[in-house]
Structures are given as C-alpha cells and as structure tokens.
Amino acid sequence: MLYILACALAWPVAALGGADAPSTGRALGDARRGALLIAQYQCGACHAIPGIASARGTDGPPLAAYGLRSYIAGRVPNRPDLLARWIAQPSALVPSTTMPDMGVPEQDARDMAAWLSEQR
C-alpha cells in the first residue's frame, strides 16, 4: 500500500519536469528533435540561435540562453507549456506580436520548446 502511494505521489513531479524527470526535456517534448525542427522551420531566418548552424537572423531577438529568460516576448511567463503555445500560435498569446504563425503543429512546438528551454 505504501509503495502505491509513493508512486502516485512521485508521478506528477516527473511528468511536470521535476527532479526525477529526464534531463532531455522529454516531459514536454523531444529536445533533440526540437533542434532539428528549429532548423526545418527556419527560425534562424529571424533569430540568431547558438547551436543551430543556419540561425543568424537579426529581425527577431537572439535566442541565446533562452532557458534562463523570465518572459516570452517580454510579456508571458517563460514556462515550457506556454513556450510551446507561443511557437504554435504567437498571436494567440500576444496579439500585437510581429512573430508570424508558421503553422507549427502542437507536437513540433513542444519539441522545439523543450530544446529552447534547455539552452543555458
């Protein structure tokens, strides 16, 4: 009985990215896949992104050490779930944003958010 209770209490912590969660960001998405998707969606056309070879854009803010930021677009708390929503539909969170809606599906956005959240 005690084992079942311990497992039930530990699961939500791991699922939310707590201390027992994998360091690859898999609680939200696949960070390794996210790096490939960032290149595929050509985020570097607007952003400079260390670790993404083609990402040298200057129209949007640089995304270096993104995981250390407090806010997305200076307005939305920088949490992985909100970052995924931002990537998928930026104008839904900040209607006045200049970031375009690139048609990123939910899972791709979660993977991209996982990679960005790991950047320190």
PDB file of N, CA and C in Angstrom:
ATOM      1  N   MET A   1       0.826  -1.190   0.000  1.00  0.00           N
ATOM      2  CA  MET A   1       0.000   0.000   0.000  1.00  0.00           C
ATOM      3  C   MET A   1       0.869   1.252   0.000  1.00  0.00           C
ATOM      4  N   LEU A   2       1.882   1.270   0.820  1.00  0.00           N
ATOM      5  CA  LEU A   2       2.772   2.430   0.898  1.00  0.00           C
ATOM      6  C   LEU A   2       3.489   2.651  -0.429  1.00  0.00           C
ATOM      7  N   TYR A   3       3.883   1.572  -1.124  1.00  0.00           N
ATOM      8  CA  TYR A   3       4.545   1.661  -2.418  1.00  0.00           C
ATOM      9  C   TYR A   3       3.641   2.334  -3.444  1.00  0.00           C
ATOM     10  N   ILE A   4       2.366   1.945  -3.462  1.00  0.00           N
ATOM     11  CA  ILE A   4       1.416   2.521  -4.414  1.00  0.00           C
ATOM     12  C   ILE A   4       1.258   4.009  -4.162  1.00  0.00           C
ATOM     13  N   LEU A   5       1.154   4.411  -2.915  1.00  0.00           N
ATOM     14  CA  LEU A   5       1.023   5.817  -2.571  1.00  0.00           C
ATOM     15  C   LEU A   5       2.268   6.596  -2.980  1.00  0.00           C
ATOM     16  N   ALA A   6       3.441   6.045  -2.757  1.00  0.00           N
ATOM     17  CA  ALA A   6       4.686   6.714  -3.134  1.00  0.00           C
ATOM     18  C   ALA A   6       4.763   6.900  -4.641  1.00  0.00           C
ATOM     19  N   CYS A   7       4.371   5.889  -5.403  1.00  0.00           N
ATOM     20  CA  CYS A   7       4.371   6.008  -6.866  1.00  0.00           C
ATOM     21  C   CYS A   7       3.373   7.042  -7.332  1.00  0.00           C
ATOM     22  N   ALA A   8       2.207   7.065  -6.736  1.00  0.00           N
ATOM     23  CA  ALA A   8       1.166   8.022  -7.129  1.00  0.00           C
ATOM     24  C   ALA A   8       1.608   9.452  -6.855  1.00  0.00           C
ATOM     25  N   LEU A   9       2.342   9.657  -5.770  1.00  0.00           N
ATOM     26  CA  LEU A   9       2.815  10.999  -5.446  1.00  0.00           C
ATOM     27  C   LEU A   9       4.010  11.414  -6.301  1.00  0.00           C
ATOM     28  N   ALA A  10       4.852  10.471  -6.692  1.00  0.00           N
ATOM     29  CA  ALA A  10       6.049  10.793  -7.471  1.00  0.00           C
ATOM     30  C   ALA A  10       5.742  11.048  -8.936  1.00  0.00           C
ATOM     31  N   TRP A  11       4.721  10.407  -9.488  1.00  0.00           N
ATOM     32  CA  TRP A  11       4.430  10.543 -10.922  1.00  0.00           C
ATOM     33  C   TRP A  11       4.200  11.973 -11.360  1.00  0.00           C
ATOM     34  N   PRO A  12       3.344  12.779 -10.671  1.00  0.00           N
ATOM     35  CA  PRO A  12       3.121  14.136 -11.162  1.00  0.00           C
ATOM     36  C   PRO A  12       4.388  14.982 -11.181  1.00  0.00           C
ATOM     37  N   VAL A  13       5.291  14.776 -10.237  1.00  0.00           N
ATOM     38  CA  VAL A  13       6.532  15.540 -10.221  1.00  0.00           C
ATOM     39  C   VAL A  13       7.356  15.243 -11.465  1.00  0.00           C
ATOM     40  N   ALA A  14       7.520  13.983 -11.817  1.00  0.00           N
ATOM     41  CA  ALA A  14       8.282  13.620 -13.009  1.00  0.00           C
ATOM     42  C   ALA A  14       7.578  14.102 -14.271  1.00  0.00           C
ATOM     43  N   ALA A  15       6.268  13.986 -14.314  1.00  0.00           N
ATOM     44  CA  ALA A  15       5.527  14.398 -15.503  1.00  0.00           C
ATOM     45  C   ALA A  15       5.615  15.887 -15.740  1.00  0.00           C
ATOM     46  N   LEU A  16       5.794  16.659 -14.687  1.00  0.00           N
ATOM     47  CA  LEU A  16       5.888  18.110 -14.831  1.00  0.00           C
ATOM     48  C   LEU A  16       7.323  18.591 -14.965  1.00  0.00           C
ATOM     49  N   GLY A  17       8.271  17.690 -15.052  1.00  0.00           N
ATOM     50  CA  GLY A  17       9.651  18.097 -15.231  1.00  0.00           C
ATOM     51  C   GLY A  17      10.362  18.346 -13.919  1.00  0.00           C
ATOM     52  N   GLY A  18       9.970  17.655 -12.864  1.00  0.00           N
ATOM     53  CA  GLY A  18      10.588  17.824 -11.563  1.00  0.00           C
ATOM     54  C   GLY A  18      11.946  17.149 -11.509  1.00  0.00           C
ATOM     55  N   ALA A  19      12.445  16.965 -10.321  1.00  0.00           N
ATOM     56  CA  ALA A  19      13.793  16.444 -10.123  1.00  0.00           C
ATOM     57  C   ALA A  19      13.995  15.064 -10.727  1.00  0.00           C
ATOM     58  N   ASP A  20      12.932  14.265 -10.779  1.00  0.00           N
ATOM     59  CA  ASP A  20      13.071  12.919 -11.313  1.00  0.00           C
ATOM     60  C   ASP A  20      12.844  12.838 -12.816  1.00  0.00           C
ATOM     61  N   ALA A  21      12.522  13.955 -13.461  1.00  0.00           N
ATOM     62  CA  ALA A  21      12.248  13.950 -14.894  1.00  0.00           C
ATOM     63  C   ALA A  21      13.550  13.832 -15.675  1.00  0.00           C
ATOM     64  N   PRO A  22      13.507  13.264 -16.876  1.00  0.00           N
ATOM     65  CA  PRO A  22      14.707  13.151 -17.701  1.00  0.00           C
ATOM     66  C   PRO A  22      15.271  14.532 -18.035  1.00  0.00           C
ATOM     67  N   SER A  23      16.567  14.648 -18.166  1.00  0.00           N
ATOM     68  CA  SER A  23      17.196  15.935 -18.451  1.00  0.00           C
ATOM     69  C   SER A  23      17.087  16.320 -19.916  1.00  0.00           C
ATOM     70  N   THR A  24      16.515  15.465 -20.761  1.00  0.00           N
ATOM     71  CA  THR A  24      16.405  15.769 -22.183  1.00  0.00           C
ATOM     72  C   THR A  24      15.173  16.592 -22.515  1.00  0.00           C
ATOM     73  N   GLY A  25      14.378  16.973 -21.522  1.00  0.00           N
ATOM     74  CA  GLY A  25      13.188  17.757 -21.785  1.00  0.00           C
ATOM     75  C   GLY A  25      12.022  16.911 -22.263  1.00  0.00           C
ATOM     76  N   ARG A  26      12.108  15.600 -22.156  1.00  0.00           N
ATOM     77  CA  ARG A  26      11.059  14.723 -22.667  1.00  0.00           C
ATOM     78  C   ARG A  26       9.749  14.859 -21.915  1.00  0.00           C
ATOM     79  N   ALA A  27       9.748  15.462 -20.725  1.00  0.00           N
ATOM     80  CA  ALA A  27       8.487  15.674 -20.031  1.00  0.00           C
ATOM     81  C   ALA A  27       7.594  16.575 -20.871  1.00  0.00           C
ATOM     82  N   LEU A  28       8.182  17.454 -21.658  1.00  0.00           N
ATOM     83  CA  LEU A  28       7.430  18.332 -22.539  1.00  0.00           C
ATOM     84  C   LEU A  28       7.505  17.831 -23.971  1.00  0.00           C
ATOM     85  N   GLY A  29       8.693  17.533 -24.438  1.00  0.00           N
ATOM     86  CA  GLY A  29       8.899  17.105 -25.813  1.00  0.00           C
ATOM     87  C   GLY A  29      10.303  16.565 -25.975  1.00  0.00           C
ATOM     88  N   ASP A  30      10.673  16.236 -27.187  1.00  0.00           N
ATOM     89  CA  ASP A  30      11.972  15.669 -27.509  1.00  0.00           C
ATOM     90  C   ASP A  30      12.905  16.802 -27.935  1.00  0.00           C
ATOM     91  N   ALA A  31      13.810  17.183 -27.056  1.00  0.00           N
ATOM     92  CA  ALA A  31      14.687  18.325 -27.305  1.00  0.00           C
ATOM     93  C   ALA A  31      15.591  18.103 -28.518  1.00  0.00           C
ATOM     94  N   ARG A  32      16.081  16.886 -28.704  1.00  0.00           N
ATOM     95  CA  ARG A  32      16.945  16.633 -29.874  1.00  0.00           C
ATOM     96  C   ARG A  32      16.176  16.835 -31.168  1.00  0.00           C
ATOM     97  N   ARG A  33      14.949  16.363 -31.203  1.00  0.00           N
ATOM     98  CA  ARG A  33      14.100  16.577 -32.376  1.00  0.00           C
ATOM     99  C   ARG A  33      13.789  18.070 -32.523  1.00  0.00           C
ATOM    100  N   GLY A  34      13.625  18.748 -31.391  1.00  0.00           N
ATOM    101  CA  GLY A  34      13.330  20.182 -31.408  1.00  0.00           C
ATOM    102  C   GLY A  34      14.395  20.989 -32.116  1.00  0.00           C
ATOM    103  N   ALA A  35      15.665  20.650 -31.912  1.00  0.00           N
ATOM    104  CA  ALA A  35      16.756  21.366 -32.589  1.00  0.00           C
ATOM    105  C   ALA A  35      16.644  21.206 -34.101  1.00  0.00           C
ATOM    106  N   LEU A  36      16.324  20.006 -34.551  1.00  0.00           N
ATOM    107  CA  LEU A  36      16.152  19.764 -35.990  1.00  0.00           C
ATOM    108  C   LEU A  36      14.963  20.546 -36.542  1.00  0.00           C
ATOM    109  N   LEU A  37      13.893  20.610 -35.755  1.00  0.00           N
ATOM    110  CA  LEU A  37      12.701  21.323 -36.199  1.00  0.00           C
ATOM    111  C   LEU A  37      12.932  22.828 -36.266  1.00  0.00           C
ATOM    112  N   ILE A  38      13.719  23.358 -35.336  1.00  0.00           N
ATOM    113  CA  ILE A  38      14.036  24.785 -35.358  1.00  0.00           C
ATOM    114  C   ILE A  38      14.734  25.134 -36.663  1.00  0.00           C
ATOM    115  N   ALA A  39      15.628  24.267 -37.108  1.00  0.00           N
ATOM    116  CA  ALA A  39      16.281  24.475 -38.405  1.00  0.00           C
ATOM    117  C   ALA A  39      15.287  24.280 -39.547  1.00  0.00           C
ATOM    118  N   GLN A  40      14.452  23.248 -39.458  1.00  0.00           N
ATOM    119  CA  GLN A  40      13.487  22.946 -40.518  1.00  0.00           C
ATOM    120  C   GLN A  40      12.488  24.089 -40.726  1.00  0.00           C
ATOM    121  N   TYR A  41      11.986  24.654 -39.641  1.00  0.00           N
ATOM    122  CA  TYR A  41      11.017  25.752 -39.749  1.00  0.00           C
ATOM    123  C   TYR A  41      11.694  27.095 -40.023  1.00  0.00           C
ATOM    124  N   GLN A  42      12.996  27.073 -40.143  1.00  0.00           N
ATOM    125  CA  GLN A  42      13.810  28.239 -40.486  1.00  0.00           C
ATOM    126  C   GLN A  42      13.636  29.398 -39.502  1.00  0.00           C
ATOM    127  N   CYS A  43      13.614  29.059 -38.224  1.00  0.00           N
ATOM    128  CA  CYS A  43      13.521  30.079 -37.182  1.00  0.00           C
ATOM    129  C   CYS A  43      14.715  31.030 -37.256  1.00  0.00           C
ATOM    130  N   GLY A  44      15.833  30.517 -37.753  1.00  0.00           N
ATOM    131  CA  GLY A  44      17.048  31.315 -37.882  1.00  0.00           C
ATOM    132  C   GLY A  44      16.981  32.373 -38.970  1.00  0.00           C
ATOM    133  N   ALA A  45      15.916  32.405 -39.755  1.00  0.00           N
ATOM    134  CA  ALA A  45      15.750  33.488 -40.720  1.00  0.00           C
ATOM    135  C   ALA A  45      15.533  34.807 -39.982  1.00  0.00           C
ATOM    136  N   CYS A  46      14.955  34.732 -38.789  1.00  0.00           N
ATOM    137  CA  CYS A  46      14.704  35.938 -37.990  1.00  0.00           C
ATOM    138  C   CYS A  46      15.541  36.001 -36.714  1.00  0.00           C
ATOM    139  N   HIS A  47      15.927  34.838 -36.181  1.00  0.00           N
ATOM    140  CA  HIS A  47      16.625  34.786 -34.893  1.00  0.00           C
ATOM    141  C   HIS A  47      18.037  34.229 -35.031  1.00  0.00           C
ATOM    142  N   ALA A  48      18.957  34.784 -34.264  1.00  0.00           N
ATOM    143  CA  ALA A  48      20.276  34.161 -34.076  1.00  0.00           C
ATOM    144  C   ALA A  48      20.111  33.146 -32.941  1.00  0.00           C
ATOM    145  N   ILE A  49      20.484  31.894 -33.235  1.00  0.00           N
ATOM    146  CA  ILE A  49      20.282  30.829 -32.252  1.00  0.00           C
ATOM    147  C   ILE A  49      21.555  30.001 -32.166  1.00  0.00           C
ATOM    148  N   PRO A  50      22.334  30.161 -31.091  1.00  0.00           N
ATOM    149  CA  PRO A  50      23.533  29.339 -30.932  1.00  0.00           C
ATOM    150  C   PRO A  50      23.179  27.853 -30.963  1.00  0.00           C
ATOM    151  N   GLY A  51      23.990  27.080 -31.661  1.00  0.00           N
ATOM    152  CA  GLY A  51      23.759  25.654 -31.774  1.00  0.00           C
ATOM    153  C   GLY A  51      22.966  25.262 -33.004  1.00  0.00           C
ATOM    154  N   ILE A  52      22.404  26.238 -33.701  1.00  0.00           N
ATOM    155  CA  ILE A  52      21.677  25.989 -34.946  1.00  0.00           C
ATOM    156  C   ILE A  52      22.477  26.700 -36.041  1.00  0.00           C
ATOM    157  N   ALA A  53      23.154  25.931 -36.871  1.00  0.00           N
ATOM    158  CA  ALA A  53      24.129  26.480 -37.822  1.00  0.00           C
ATOM    159  C   ALA A  53      23.565  27.571 -38.723  1.00  0.00           C
ATOM    160  N   SER A  54      22.361  27.405 -39.221  1.00  0.00           N
ATOM    161  CA  SER A  54      21.810  28.365 -40.173  1.00  0.00           C
ATOM    162  C   SER A  54      21.099  29.542 -39.511  1.00  0.00           C
ATOM    163  N   ALA A  55      21.073  29.582 -38.198  1.00  0.00           N
ATOM    164  CA  ALA A  55      20.293  30.594 -37.478  1.00  0.00           C
ATOM    165  C   ALA A  55      21.120  31.835 -37.188  1.00  0.00           C
ATOM    166  N   ARG A  56      21.065  32.779 -38.117  1.00  0.00           N
ATOM    167  CA  ARG A  56      21.843  34.019 -37.961  1.00  0.00           C
ATOM    168  C   ARG A  56      20.997  35.271 -38.166  1.00  0.00           C
ATOM    169  N   GLY A  57      19.676  35.134 -38.057  1.00  0.00           N
ATOM    170  CA  GLY A  57      18.780  36.253 -38.319  1.00  0.00           C
ATOM    171  C   GLY A  57      18.932  37.386 -37.325  1.00  0.00           C
ATOM    172  N   THR A  58      18.532  38.567 -37.754  1.00  0.00           N
ATOM    173  CA  THR A  58      18.631  39.747 -36.897  1.00  0.00           C
ATOM    174  C   THR A  58      17.295  40.489 -36.756  1.00  0.00           C
ATOM    175  N   ASP A  59      16.251  40.037 -37.428  1.00  0.00           N
ATOM    176  CA  ASP A  59      14.955  40.715 -37.322  1.00  0.00           C
ATOM    177  C   ASP A  59      14.282  40.458 -35.981  1.00  0.00           C
ATOM    178  N   GLY A  60      14.417  39.240 -35.455  1.00  0.00           N
ATOM    179  CA  GLY A  60      13.868  38.901 -34.147  1.00  0.00           C
ATOM    180  C   GLY A  60      14.980  38.902 -33.114  1.00  0.00           C
ATOM    181  N   PRO A  61      14.624  38.811 -31.847  1.00  0.00           N
ATOM    182  CA  PRO A  61      15.666  38.803 -30.808  1.00  0.00           C
ATOM    183  C   PRO A  61      16.505  37.537 -30.865  1.00  0.00           C
ATOM    184  N   PRO A  62      17.772  37.621 -30.476  1.00  0.00           N
ATOM    185  CA  PRO A  62      18.598  36.407 -30.392  1.00  0.00           C
ATOM    186  C   PRO A  62      18.027  35.489 -29.298  1.00  0.00           C
ATOM    187  N   LEU A  63      18.187  34.194 -29.495  1.00  0.00           N
ATOM    188  CA  LEU A  63      17.611  33.233 -28.563  1.00  0.00           C
ATOM    189  C   LEU A  63      18.668  32.519 -27.725  1.00  0.00           C
ATOM    190  N   ALA A  64      19.827  33.134 -27.556  1.00  0.00           N
ATOM    191  CA  ALA A  64      20.890  32.561 -26.725  1.00  0.00           C
ATOM    192  C   ALA A  64      20.409  32.427 -25.279  1.00  0.00           C
ATOM    193  N   ALA A  65      20.756  31.331 -24.640  1.00  0.00           N
ATOM    194  CA  ALA A  65      20.422  31.065 -23.234  1.00  0.00           C
ATOM    195  C   ALA A  65      18.937  31.258 -22.961  1.00  0.00           C
ATOM    196  N   TYR A  66      18.109  30.826 -23.893  1.00  0.00           N
ATOM    197  CA  TYR A  66      16.671  31.059 -23.783  1.00  0.00           C
ATOM    198  C   TYR A  66      16.071  30.467 -22.512  1.00  0.00           C
ATOM    199  N   GLY A  67      16.588  29.352 -22.064  1.00  0.00           N
ATOM    200  CA  GLY A  67      16.060  28.707 -20.868  1.00  0.00           C
ATOM    201  C   GLY A  67      16.220  29.520 -19.601  1.00  0.00           C
ATOM    202  N   LEU A  68      17.071  30.536 -19.629  1.00  0.00           N
ATOM    203  CA  LEU A  68      17.280  31.384 -18.454  1.00  0.00           C
ATOM    204  C   LEU A  68      16.365  32.607 -18.435  1.00  0.00           C
ATOM    205  N   ARG A  69      15.629  32.816 -19.488  1.00  0.00           N
ATOM    206  CA  ARG A  69      14.765  34.001 -19.565  1.00  0.00           C
ATOM    207  C   ARG A  69      13.538  33.850 -18.680  1.00  0.00           C
ATOM    208  N   SER A  70      13.064  34.989 -18.190  1.00  0.00           N
ATOM    209  CA  SER A  70      11.868  35.004 -17.346  1.00  0.00           C
ATOM    210  C   SER A  70      10.585  35.111 -18.151  1.00  0.00           C
ATOM    211  N   TYR A  71      10.667  35.763 -19.317  1.00  0.00           N
ATOM    212  CA  TYR A  71       9.461  36.028 -20.098  1.00  0.00           C
ATOM    213  C   TYR A  71       9.637  35.697 -21.568  1.00  0.00           C
ATOM    214  N   ILE A  72       8.533  35.358 -22.200  1.00  0.00           N
ATOM    215  CA  ILE A  72       8.445  35.166 -23.643  1.00  0.00           C
ATOM    216  C   ILE A  72       7.916  36.479 -24.200  1.00  0.00           C
ATOM    217  N   ALA A  73       8.624  37.042 -25.165  1.00  0.00           N
ATOM    218  CA  ALA A  73       8.210  38.310 -25.791  1.00  0.00           C
ATOM    219  C   ALA A  73       8.045  39.421 -24.761  1.00  0.00           C
ATOM    220  N   GLY A  74       8.706  39.311 -23.633  1.00  0.00           N
ATOM    221  CA  GLY A  74       8.639  40.337 -22.596  1.00  0.00           C
ATOM    222  C   GLY A  74       7.305  40.426 -21.882  1.00  0.00           C
ATOM    223  N   ARG A  75       6.398  39.461 -22.128  1.00  0.00           N
ATOM    224  CA  ARG A  75       5.043  39.571 -21.566  1.00  0.00           C
ATOM    225  C   ARG A  75       4.500  38.305 -20.934  1.00  0.00           C
ATOM    226  N   VAL A  76       4.890  37.158 -21.421  1.00  0.00           N
ATOM    227  CA  VAL A  76       4.309  35.885 -20.995  1.00  0.00           C
ATOM    228  C   VAL A  76       5.361  35.123 -20.183  1.00  0.00           C
ATOM    229  N   PRO A  77       5.012  34.590 -19.010  1.00  0.00           N
ATOM    230  CA  PRO A  77       5.997  33.826 -18.233  1.00  0.00           C
ATOM    231  C   PRO A  77       6.633  32.723 -19.078  1.00  0.00           C
ATOM    232  N   ASN A  78       7.935  32.596 -18.980  1.00  0.00           N
ATOM    233  CA  ASN A  78       8.660  31.601 -19.776  1.00  0.00           C
ATOM    234  C   ASN A  78       8.578  30.238 -19.100  1.00  0.00           C
ATOM    235  N   ARG A  79       7.497  29.526 -19.418  1.00  0.00           N
ATOM    236  CA  ARG A  79       7.305  28.143 -18.985  1.00  0.00           C
ATOM    237  C   ARG A  79       7.237  27.294 -20.238  1.00  0.00           C
ATOM    238  N   PRO A  80       7.706  26.047 -20.182  1.00  0.00           N
ATOM    239  CA  PRO A  80       7.699  25.198 -21.383  1.00  0.00           C
ATOM    240  C   PRO A  80       6.339  25.059 -22.051  1.00  0.00           C
ATOM    241  N   ASP A  81       5.265  24.931 -21.265  1.00  0.00           N
ATOM    242  CA  ASP A  81       3.942  24.793 -21.868  1.00  0.00           C
ATOM    243  C   ASP A  81       3.526  26.060 -22.609  1.00  0.00           C
ATOM    244  N   LEU A  82       3.813  27.221 -22.028  1.00  0.00           N
ATOM    245  CA  LEU A  82       3.474  28.483 -22.683  1.00  0.00           C
ATOM    246  C   LEU A  82       4.386  28.744 -23.879  1.00  0.00           C
ATOM    247  N   LEU A  83       5.637  28.326 -23.775  1.00  0.00           N
ATOM    248  CA  LEU A  83       6.550  28.486 -24.909  1.00  0.00           C
ATOM    249  C   LEU A  83       6.071  27.656 -26.093  1.00  0.00           C
ATOM    250  N   ALA A  84       5.595  26.450 -25.843  1.00  0.00           N
ATOM    251  CA  ALA A  84       5.053  25.624 -26.925  1.00  0.00           C
ATOM    252  C   ALA A  84       3.840  26.304 -27.558  1.00  0.00           C
ATOM    253  N   ARG A  85       2.968  26.863 -26.734  1.00  0.00           N
ATOM    254  CA  ARG A  85       1.807  27.594 -27.277  1.00  0.00           C
ATOM    255  C   ARG A  85       2.258  28.791 -28.087  1.00  0.00           C
ATOM    256  N   TRP A  86       3.283  29.499 -27.599  1.00  0.00           N
ATOM    257  CA  TRP A  86       3.829  30.662 -28.301  1.00  0.00           C
ATOM    258  C   TRP A  86       4.357  30.273 -29.677  1.00  0.00           C
ATOM    259  N   ILE A  87       5.099  29.184 -29.734  1.00  0.00           N
ATOM    260  CA  ILE A  87       5.666  28.727 -31.004  1.00  0.00           C
ATOM    261  C   ILE A  87       4.553  28.354 -31.979  1.00  0.00           C
ATOM    262  N   ALA A  88       3.512  27.694 -31.482  1.00  0.00           N
ATOM    263  CA  ALA A  88       2.421  27.246 -32.338  1.00  0.00           C
ATOM    264  C   ALA A  88       1.533  28.405 -32.807  1.00  0.00           C
ATOM    265  N   GLN A  89       1.220  29.311 -31.910  1.00  0.00           N
ATOM    266  CA  GLN A  89       0.307  30.413 -32.240  1.00  0.00           C
ATOM    267  C   GLN A  89       0.686  31.664 -31.449  1.00  0.00           C
ATOM    268  N   PRO A  90       1.736  32.357 -31.866  1.00  0.00           N
ATOM    269  CA  PRO A  90       2.208  33.512 -31.089  1.00  0.00           C
ATOM    270  C   PRO A  90       1.159  34.611 -30.899  1.00  0.00           C
ATOM    271  N   SER A  91       0.353  34.886 -31.905  1.00  0.00           N
ATOM    272  CA  SER A  91      -0.622  35.976 -31.780  1.00  0.00           C
ATOM    273  C   SER A  91      -1.766  35.629 -30.827  1.00  0.00           C
ATOM    274  N   ALA A  92      -1.937  34.351 -30.488  1.00  0.00           N
ATOM    275  CA  ALA A  92      -2.950  33.975 -29.505  1.00  0.00           C
ATOM    276  C   ALA A  92      -2.540  34.424 -28.102  1.00  0.00           C
ATOM    277  N   LEU A  93      -1.223  34.509 -27.851  1.00  0.00           N
ATOM    278  CA  LEU A  93      -0.729  34.951 -26.542  1.00  0.00           C
ATOM    279  C   LEU A  93      -0.436  36.442 -26.512  1.00  0.00           C
ATOM    280  N   VAL A  94       0.105  36.978 -27.605  1.00  0.00           N
ATOM    281  CA  VAL A  94       0.417  38.404 -27.702  1.00  0.00           C
ATOM    282  C   VAL A  94      -0.092  38.888 -29.060  1.00  0.00           C
ATOM    283  N   PRO A  95      -1.326  39.395 -29.101  1.00  0.00           N
ATOM    284  CA  PRO A  95      -1.927  39.771 -30.385  1.00  0.00           C
ATOM    285  C   PRO A  95      -1.103  40.763 -31.211  1.00  0.00           C
ATOM    286  N   SER A  96      -0.338  41.607 -30.573  1.00  0.00           N
ATOM    287  CA  SER A  96       0.431  42.627 -31.295  1.00  0.00           C
ATOM    288  C   SER A  96       1.810  42.143 -31.753  1.00  0.00           C
ATOM    289  N   THR A  97       2.131  40.875 -31.567  1.00  0.00           N
ATOM    290  CA  THR A  97       3.464  40.378 -31.907  1.00  0.00           C
ATOM    291  C   THR A  97       3.728  40.445 -33.413  1.00  0.00           C
ATOM    292  N   THR A  98       4.986  40.595 -33.755  1.00  0.00           N
ATOM    293  CA  THR A  98       5.382  40.533 -35.166  1.00  0.00           C
ATOM    294  C   THR A  98       5.836  39.129 -35.546  1.00  0.00           C
ATOM    295  N   MET A  99       5.906  38.222 -34.573  1.00  0.00           N
ATOM    296  CA  MET A  99       6.285  36.846 -34.880  1.00  0.00           C
ATOM    297  C   MET A  99       5.154  36.193 -35.664  1.00  0.00           C
ATOM    298  N   PRO A 100       5.476  35.628 -36.821  1.00  0.00           N
ATOM    299  CA  PRO A 100       4.421  35.026 -37.643  1.00  0.00           C
ATOM    300  C   PRO A 100       3.985  33.660 -37.128  1.00  0.00           C
ATOM    301  N   ASP A 101       2.753  33.313 -37.440  1.00  0.00           N
ATOM    302  CA  ASP A 101       2.249  31.975 -37.181  1.00  0.00           C
ATOM    303  C   ASP A 101       2.758  31.105 -38.320  1.00  0.00           C
ATOM    304  N   MET A 102       3.651  30.170 -38.002  1.00  0.00           N
ATOM    305  CA  MET A 102       4.294  29.340 -39.022  1.00  0.00           C
ATOM    306  C   MET A 102       3.559  28.020 -39.250  1.00  0.00           C
ATOM    307  N   GLY A 103       2.412  27.836 -38.615  1.00  0.00           N
ATOM    308  CA  GLY A 103       1.670  26.592 -38.792  1.00  0.00           C
ATOM    309  C   GLY A 103       2.342  25.400 -38.136  1.00  0.00           C
ATOM    310  N   VAL A 104       3.024  25.626 -37.040  1.00  0.00           N
ATOM    311  CA  VAL A 104       3.744  24.556 -36.341  1.00  0.00           C
ATOM    312  C   VAL A 104       2.739  23.695 -35.569  1.00  0.00           C
ATOM    313  N   PRO A 105       2.684  22.396 -35.856  1.00  0.00           N
ATOM    314  CA  PRO A 105       1.787  21.505 -35.101  1.00  0.00           C
ATOM    315  C   PRO A 105       2.189  21.431 -33.628  1.00  0.00           C
ATOM    316  N   GLU A 106       1.236  21.045 -32.790  1.00  0.00           N
ATOM    317  CA  GLU A 106       1.443  21.029 -31.339  1.00  0.00           C
ATOM    318  C   GLU A 106       2.672  20.213 -30.919  1.00  0.00           C
ATOM    319  N   GLN A 107       2.833  18.996 -31.440  1.00  0.00           N
ATOM    320  CA  GLN A 107       3.969  18.174 -31.011  1.00  0.00           C
ATOM    321  C   GLN A 107       5.294  18.794 -31.443  1.00  0.00           C
ATOM    322  N   ASP A 108       5.360  19.329 -32.639  1.00  0.00           N
ATOM    323  CA  ASP A 108       6.584  20.005 -33.087  1.00  0.00           C
ATOM    324  C   ASP A 108       6.893  21.185 -32.165  1.00  0.00           C
ATOM    325  N   ALA A 109       5.874  21.948 -31.804  1.00  0.00           N
ATOM    326  CA  ALA A 109       6.072  23.103 -30.917  1.00  0.00           C
ATOM    327  C   ALA A 109       6.584  22.653 -29.552  1.00  0.00           C
ATOM    328  N   ARG A 110       6.063  21.529 -29.040  1.00  0.00           N
ATOM    329  CA  ARG A 110       6.552  21.025 -27.748  1.00  0.00           C
ATOM    330  C   ARG A 110       8.007  20.598 -27.841  1.00  0.00           C
ATOM    331  N   ASP A 111       8.374  19.958 -28.936  1.00  0.00           N
ATOM    332  CA  ASP A 111       9.769  19.539 -29.108  1.00  0.00           C
ATOM    333  C   ASP A 111      10.690  20.759 -29.214  1.00  0.00           C
ATOM    334  N   MET A 112      10.271  21.756 -29.955  1.00  0.00           N
ATOM    335  CA  MET A 112      11.077  22.973 -30.098  1.00  0.00           C
ATOM    336  C   MET A 112      11.193  23.693 -28.756  1.00  0.00           C
ATOM    337  N   ALA A 113      10.107  23.752 -28.011  1.00  0.00           N
ATOM    338  CA  ALA A 113      10.126  24.382 -26.683  1.00  0.00           C
ATOM    339  C   ALA A 113      11.044  23.622 -25.738  1.00  0.00           C
ATOM    340  N   ALA A 114      11.058  22.301 -25.844  1.00  0.00           N
ATOM    341  CA  ALA A 114      11.935  21.500 -24.985  1.00  0.00           C
ATOM    342  C   ALA A 114      13.399  21.859 -25.248  1.00  0.00           C
ATOM    343  N   TRP A 115      13.778  21.996 -26.510  1.00  0.00           N
ATOM    344  CA  TRP A 115      15.171  22.341 -26.839  1.00  0.00           C
ATOM    345  C   TRP A 115      15.495  23.753 -26.364  1.00  0.00           C
ATOM    346  N   LEU A 116      14.629  24.707 -26.650  1.00  0.00           N
ATOM    347  CA  LEU A 116      14.887  26.086 -26.213  1.00  0.00           C
ATOM    348  C   LEU A 116      14.972  26.193 -24.703  1.00  0.00           C
ATOM    349  N   SER A 117      14.130  25.463 -23.996  1.00  0.00           N
ATOM    350  CA  SER A 117      14.118  25.508 -22.528  1.00  0.00           C
ATOM    351  C   SER A 117      15.399  24.965 -21.924  1.00  0.00           C
ATOM    352  N   GLU A 118      16.088  24.089 -22.640  1.00  0.00           N
ATOM    353  CA  GLU A 118      17.359  23.523 -22.152  1.00  0.00           C
ATOM    354  C   GLU A 118      18.547  24.447 -22.370  1.00  0.00           C
ATOM    355  N   GLN A 119      18.385  25.476 -23.166  1.00  0.00           N
ATOM    356  CA  GLN A 119      19.519  26.336 -23.511  1.00  0.00           C
ATOM    357  C   GLN A 119      19.868  27.240 -22.339  1.00  0.00           C
ATOM    358  N   ARG A 120      21.125  27.104 -21.890  1.00  0.00           N
ATOM    359  CA  ARG A 120      21.587  27.866 -20.711  1.00  0.00           C
ATOM    360  C   ARG A 120      22.785  28.697 -21.058  1.00  0.00           C
TER     361      ARG A 120
END
